[in-house]
């Protein structure tokens, strides 16, 4: 099956009916992330052990981060993360040092 596609400029033809709702492509960054993307939490320790779980649809909130990492991260550990704001209270609660990666 191939999705139905309408090519060309249809604004001049007043009797043209699309047959489906228009696809809105201009979205903000948060709308794009929360639309249909699933976050995957991947962690690696110094002994090369890997921990991977599905986080949430969109950005991972603090509550989900805490439920996934509370028993995995020891005190005075170092967290290297993205700029997600959910990691800030997590680092304070788990008594860890937080490094936010830019990019």
C-alpha atoms as a PDB file:
ATOM      1  CA  UNK A   1       0.000   0.000   0.000  1.00  0.00           C
ATOM      2  CA  UNK A   2       1.186   3.486  -0.851  1.00  0.00           C
ATOM      3  CA  UNK A   3      -0.239   6.559   0.886  1.00  0.00           C
ATOM      4  CA  UNK A   4      -2.403   8.782  -1.268  1.00  0.00           C
ATOM      5  CA  UNK A   5      -0.512  11.855  -2.466  1.00  0.00           C
ATOM      6  CA  UNK A   6      -1.736  15.065  -4.098  1.00  0.00           C
ATOM      7  CA  UNK A   7       0.895  16.952  -6.087  1.00  0.00           C
ATOM      8  CA  UNK A   8       0.751  20.432  -7.533  1.00  0.00           C
ATOM      9  CA  UNK A   9      -0.967  23.729  -6.776  1.00  0.00           C
ATOM     10  CA  UNK A  10      -4.634  23.086  -6.015  1.00  0.00           C
ATOM     11  CA  UNK A  11      -5.458  26.560  -4.711  1.00  0.00           C
ATOM     12  CA  UNK A  12      -6.583  27.762  -8.172  1.00  0.00           C
ATOM     13  CA  UNK A  13      -9.142  24.976  -8.578  1.00  0.00           C
ATOM     14  CA  UNK A  14     -12.071  25.953  -6.351  1.00  0.00           C
ATOM     15  CA  UNK A  15     -13.869  22.616  -6.734  1.00  0.00           C
ATOM     16  CA  UNK A  16     -10.890  20.479  -5.626  1.00  0.00           C
ATOM     17  CA  UNK A  17     -11.439  18.413  -2.469  1.00  0.00           C
ATOM     18  CA  UNK A  18      -8.403  16.904  -0.759  1.00  0.00           C
ATOM     19  CA  UNK A  19     -10.191  13.857   0.656  1.00  0.00           C
ATOM     20  CA  UNK A  20      -8.091  13.830   3.826  1.00  0.00           C
ATOM     21  CA  UNK A  21      -6.939  16.391   6.396  1.00  0.00           C
ATOM     22  CA  UNK A  22      -3.914  18.451   5.420  1.00  0.00           C
ATOM     23  CA  UNK A  23      -0.533  17.525   6.888  1.00  0.00           C
ATOM     24  CA  UNK A  24       0.801  20.351   9.064  1.00  0.00           C
ATOM     25  CA  UNK A  25       4.570  20.361   8.751  1.00  0.00           C
ATOM     26  CA  UNK A  26       5.422  23.574  10.587  1.00  0.00           C
ATOM     27  CA  UNK A  27       5.558  22.581  14.233  1.00  0.00           C
ATOM     28  CA  UNK A  28       7.545  23.855  17.164  1.00  0.00           C
ATOM     29  CA  UNK A  29      10.345  21.735  18.579  1.00  0.00           C
ATOM     30  CA  UNK A  30       8.281  20.598  21.564  1.00  0.00           C
ATOM     31  CA  UNK A  31       5.315  19.653  19.355  1.00  0.00           C
ATOM     32  CA  UNK A  32       7.653  17.651  17.120  1.00  0.00           C
ATOM     33  CA  UNK A  33       9.215  15.804  20.052  1.00  0.00           C
ATOM     34  CA  UNK A  34       5.891  15.033  21.760  1.00  0.00           C
ATOM     35  CA  UNK A  35       4.119  13.984  18.547  1.00  0.00           C
ATOM     36  CA  UNK A  36       5.096  10.363  18.024  1.00  0.00           C
ATOM     37  CA  UNK A  37       8.681  10.041  19.232  1.00  0.00           C
ATOM     38  CA  UNK A  38       9.631   7.669  22.022  1.00  0.00           C
ATOM     39  CA  UNK A  39      12.602   8.439  24.273  1.00  0.00           C
ATOM     40  CA  UNK A  40      15.078   5.663  24.971  1.00  0.00           C
ATOM     41  CA  UNK A  41      17.165   5.904  28.129  1.00  0.00           C
ATOM     42  CA  UNK A  42      20.641   4.427  27.579  1.00  0.00           C
ATOM     43  CA  UNK A  43      23.182   4.299  30.399  1.00  0.00           C
ATOM     44  CA  UNK A  44      26.701   2.934  30.594  1.00  0.00           C
ATOM     45  CA  UNK A  45      28.917   2.622  33.647  1.00  0.00           C
ATOM     46  CA  UNK A  46      32.694   2.419  33.967  1.00  0.00           C
ATOM     47  CA  UNK A  47      32.652  -1.381  33.802  1.00  0.00           C
ATOM     48  CA  UNK A  48      30.980  -1.161  30.346  1.00  0.00           C
ATOM     49  CA  UNK A  49      27.613  -2.429  31.672  1.00  0.00           C
ATOM     50  CA  UNK A  50      24.743  -1.106  29.539  1.00  0.00           C
ATOM     51  CA  UNK A  51      21.221  -0.301  30.764  1.00  0.00           C
ATOM     52  CA  UNK A  52      18.545   0.602  28.172  1.00  0.00           C
ATOM     53  CA  UNK A  53      14.825   1.164  28.738  1.00  0.00           C
ATOM     54  CA  UNK A  54      12.018   2.958  26.980  1.00  0.00           C
ATOM     55  CA  UNK A  55      11.507   6.233  28.731  1.00  0.00           C
ATOM     56  CA  UNK A  56       8.341   7.992  27.675  1.00  0.00           C
ATOM     57  CA  UNK A  57       6.639   9.473  24.648  1.00  0.00           C
ATOM     58  CA  UNK A  58       8.471  12.760  24.145  1.00  0.00           C
ATOM     59  CA  UNK A  59      10.933  14.015  26.733  1.00  0.00           C
ATOM     60  CA  UNK A  60      11.438  11.852  29.803  1.00  0.00           C
ATOM     61  CA  UNK A  61       9.963  13.523  32.909  1.00  0.00           C
ATOM     62  CA  UNK A  62      11.667  13.516  36.307  1.00  0.00           C
ATOM     63  CA  UNK A  63       9.246  10.975  37.813  1.00  0.00           C
ATOM     64  CA  UNK A  64      10.036   8.389  35.124  1.00  0.00           C
ATOM     65  CA  UNK A  65      13.790   9.071  35.371  1.00  0.00           C
ATOM     66  CA  UNK A  66      13.687   8.536  39.114  1.00  0.00           C
ATOM     67  CA  UNK A  67      11.722   5.297  38.843  1.00  0.00           C
ATOM     68  CA  UNK A  68      14.203   3.932  36.288  1.00  0.00           C
ATOM     69  CA  UNK A  69      17.479   5.095  37.841  1.00  0.00           C
ATOM     70  CA  UNK A  70      16.931   5.253  41.621  1.00  0.00           C
ATOM     71  CA  UNK A  71      18.295   1.769  42.292  1.00  0.00           C
ATOM     72  CA  UNK A  72      20.936   1.894  39.524  1.00  0.00           C
ATOM     73  CA  UNK A  73      22.844   5.090  40.413  1.00  0.00           C
ATOM     74  CA  UNK A  74      24.918   5.154  43.593  1.00  0.00           C
ATOM     75  CA  UNK A  75      25.617   8.264  45.669  1.00  0.00           C
ATOM     76  CA  UNK A  76      28.368  10.625  44.516  1.00  0.00           C
ATOM     77  CA  UNK A  77      28.144   9.281  40.957  1.00  0.00           C
ATOM     78  CA  UNK A  78      28.623  11.446  37.885  1.00  0.00           C
ATOM     79  CA  UNK A  79      25.724  11.912  35.444  1.00  0.00           C
ATOM     80  CA  UNK A  80      26.556  13.122  31.926  1.00  0.00           C
ATOM     81  CA  UNK A  81      23.262  14.000  30.274  1.00  0.00           C
ATOM     82  CA  UNK A  82      21.567  16.080  27.653  1.00  0.00           C
ATOM     83  CA  UNK A  83      19.955  19.387  28.495  1.00  0.00           C
ATOM     84  CA  UNK A  84      16.722  17.753  29.735  1.00  0.00           C
ATOM     85  CA  UNK A  85      15.517  19.560  32.861  1.00  0.00           C
ATOM     86  CA  UNK A  86      14.361  16.324  34.463  1.00  0.00           C
ATOM     87  CA  UNK A  87      17.949  15.405  35.325  1.00  0.00           C
ATOM     88  CA  UNK A  88      18.514  18.457  37.573  1.00  0.00           C
ATOM     89  CA  UNK A  89      16.186  17.371  40.434  1.00  0.00           C
ATOM     90  CA  UNK A  90      17.258  13.758  39.856  1.00  0.00           C
ATOM     91  CA  UNK A  91      20.908  14.640  40.494  1.00  0.00           C
ATOM     92  CA  UNK A  92      19.975  16.578  43.638  1.00  0.00           C
ATOM     93  CA  UNK A  93      17.823  13.767  44.993  1.00  0.00           C
ATOM     94  CA  UNK A  94      20.385  11.032  44.238  1.00  0.00           C
ATOM     95  CA  UNK A  95      23.277  13.209  45.500  1.00  0.00           C
ATOM     96  CA  UNK A  96      25.146  13.036  42.174  1.00  0.00           C
ATOM     97  CA  UNK A  97      27.271  15.440  40.193  1.00  0.00           C
ATOM     98  CA  UNK A  98      25.602  16.548  36.955  1.00  0.00           C
ATOM     99  CA  UNK A  99      27.363  17.414  33.692  1.00  0.00           C
ATOM    100  CA  UNK A 100      25.103  18.684  30.911  1.00  0.00           C
ATOM    101  CA  UNK A 101      26.360  18.061  27.390  1.00  0.00           C
ATOM    102  CA  UNK A 102      25.847  20.786  24.829  1.00  0.00           C
ATOM    103  CA  UNK A 103      24.922  20.101  21.269  1.00  0.00           C
END
